C-alpha atoms as a PDB file:
ATOM      1  CA  MET A   1       0.119   0.360  -0.266  1.00  0.00           C
ATOM      2  CA  SER A   2       0.789   3.656  -0.461  1.00  0.00           C
ATOM      3  CA  GLU A   3      -0.746   7.173   1.002  1.00  0.00           C
ATOM      4  CA  VAL A   4      -0.291  10.340  -0.888  1.00  0.00           C
ATOM      5  CA  THR A   5      -1.682  13.470   0.157  1.00  0.00           C
ATOM      6  CA  ILE A   6      -3.607  15.333  -2.442  1.00  0.00           C
ATOM      7  CA  LYS A   7      -4.860  19.054  -2.378  1.00  0.00           C
ATOM      8  CA  VAL A   8      -8.957  19.413  -2.555  1.00  0.00           C
ATOM      9  CA  GLU A   9     -10.082  23.125  -3.090  1.00  0.00           C
ATOM     10  CA  GLY A  10     -13.635  24.181  -3.340  1.00  0.00           C
ATOM     11  CA  MET A  11     -14.904  22.691  -0.149  1.00  0.00           C
ATOM     12  CA  SER A  12     -16.997  24.396   2.335  1.00  0.00           C
ATOM     13  CA  CYS A  13     -18.847  21.991   4.434  1.00  0.00           C
ATOM     14  CA  GLY A  14     -19.226  18.497   6.091  1.00  0.00           C
ATOM     15  CA  GLY A  15     -21.234  17.594   3.238  1.00  0.00           C
ATOM     16  CA  CYS A  16     -18.855  18.630   0.986  1.00  0.00           C
ATOM     17  CA  VAL A  17     -15.753  16.412   3.216  1.00  0.00           C
ATOM     18  CA  ARG A  18     -18.326  13.445   3.153  1.00  0.00           C
ATOM     19  CA  ASN A  19     -18.642  13.254  -0.686  1.00  0.00           C
ATOM     20  CA  VAL A  20     -14.942  13.713  -1.412  1.00  0.00           C
ATOM     21  CA  THR A  21     -14.414  10.774   0.862  1.00  0.00           C
ATOM     22  CA  GLY A  22     -17.154   8.548  -0.784  1.00  0.00           C
ATOM     23  CA  VAL A  23     -16.100   9.233  -4.281  1.00  0.00           C
ATOM     24  CA  LEU A  24     -12.182   8.154  -3.374  1.00  0.00           C
ATOM     25  CA  LYS A  25     -13.490   5.486  -1.058  1.00  0.00           C
ATOM     26  CA  ALA A  26     -15.610   3.823  -4.155  1.00  0.00           C
ATOM     27  CA  LEU A  27     -12.131   3.710  -6.355  1.00  0.00           C
ATOM     28  CA  PRO A  28     -10.250   0.405  -6.681  1.00  0.00           C
ATOM     29  CA  GLY A  29      -7.762  -0.067  -4.764  1.00  0.00           C
ATOM     30  CA  VAL A  30      -8.175   2.542  -2.338  1.00  0.00           C
ATOM     31  CA  SER A  31      -8.459   1.217   1.508  1.00  0.00           C
ATOM     32  CA  GLU A  32      -8.687   4.657   3.241  1.00  0.00           C
ATOM     33  CA  ALA A  33      -9.523   8.072   2.803  1.00  0.00           C
ATOM     34  CA  GLU A  34      -9.101  11.277   5.091  1.00  0.00           C
ATOM     35  CA  VAL A  35     -10.359  14.073   4.177  1.00  0.00           C
ATOM     36  CA  SER A  36      -9.639  17.324   6.115  1.00  0.00           C
ATOM     37  CA  LEU A  37     -12.128  20.736   5.314  1.00  0.00           C
ATOM     38  CA  GLU A  38      -9.573  22.746   7.707  1.00  0.00           C
ATOM     39  CA  GLY A  39      -6.360  21.414   5.689  1.00  0.00           C
ATOM     40  CA  ALA A  40      -7.998  21.380   2.102  1.00  0.00           C
ATOM     41  CA  SER A  41      -6.409  18.017   1.254  1.00  0.00           C
ATOM     42  CA  ALA A  42      -7.375  14.632   1.403  1.00  0.00           C
ATOM     43  CA  ARG A  43      -4.802  11.778   2.720  1.00  0.00           C
ATOM     44  CA  VAL A  44      -5.110   8.416   0.735  1.00  0.00           C
ATOM     45  CA  ASN A  45      -4.165   5.033   1.540  1.00  0.00           C
ATOM     46  CA  TYR A  46      -3.957   2.959  -1.711  1.00  0.00           C
ATOM     47  CA  ASP A  47      -2.283  -0.164  -3.937  1.00  0.00           C
ATOM     48  CA  PRO A  48      -0.642   1.826  -6.582  1.00  0.00           C
ATOM     49  CA  ALA A  49      -1.008  -1.813  -8.783  1.00  0.00           C
ATOM     50  CA  GLN A  50      -4.907  -0.702  -9.056  1.00  0.00           C
ATOM     51  CA  VAL A  51      -5.084   3.499  -9.212  1.00  0.00           C
ATOM     52  CA  THR A  52      -2.578   5.936  -9.654  1.00  0.00           C
ATOM     53  CA  PRO A  53      -2.705   9.358  -7.965  1.00  0.00           C
ATOM     54  CA  GLU A  54      -3.765  11.144 -11.087  1.00  0.00           C
ATOM     55  CA  GLN A  55      -6.973   9.033 -10.732  1.00  0.00           C
ATOM     56  CA  LEU A  56      -7.874   9.800  -7.266  1.00  0.00           C
ATOM     57  CA  ARG A  57      -7.243  14.054  -8.393  1.00  0.00           C
ATOM     58  CA  THR A  58      -9.156  13.294 -11.868  1.00  0.00           C
ATOM     59  CA  ALA A  59     -12.492  11.360  -9.155  1.00  0.00           C
ATOM     60  CA  VAL A  60     -12.063  14.553  -6.979  1.00  0.00           C
ATOM     61  CA  GLU A  61     -12.105  16.992  -9.818  1.00  0.00           C
ATOM     62  CA  ALA A  62     -15.467  14.999 -11.136  1.00  0.00           C
ATOM     63  CA  ALA A  63     -17.149  15.300  -7.857  1.00  0.00           C
ATOM     64  CA  GLY A  64     -17.204  19.387  -8.742  1.00  0.00           C
ATOM     65  CA  PHE A  65     -14.034  20.054  -6.726  1.00  0.00           C
ATOM     66  CA  ASP A  66     -10.351  21.170  -7.671  1.00  0.00           C
ATOM     67  CA  SER A  67      -7.489  19.375  -7.244  1.00  0.00           C
ATOM     68  CA  PRO A  68      -4.249  21.200  -8.159  1.00  0.00           C
ATOM     69  CA  VAL A  69      -1.139  19.502  -8.741  1.00  0.00           C
END
């Protein structure tokens, strides 16, 4: 397993945090996703054989949030 922290911009409430958490956890290979509203970030434990950090960012962006590199 690997761990990455990605930036998540545009969250404004707990609902946003739950949305981003759900989107990330739904990806194959993601074992844990901890999203911080205050830190504007998500810490994700994932299997690099199944998902890449770029795919994580793409999922966050598809949910309507920004995830700059």
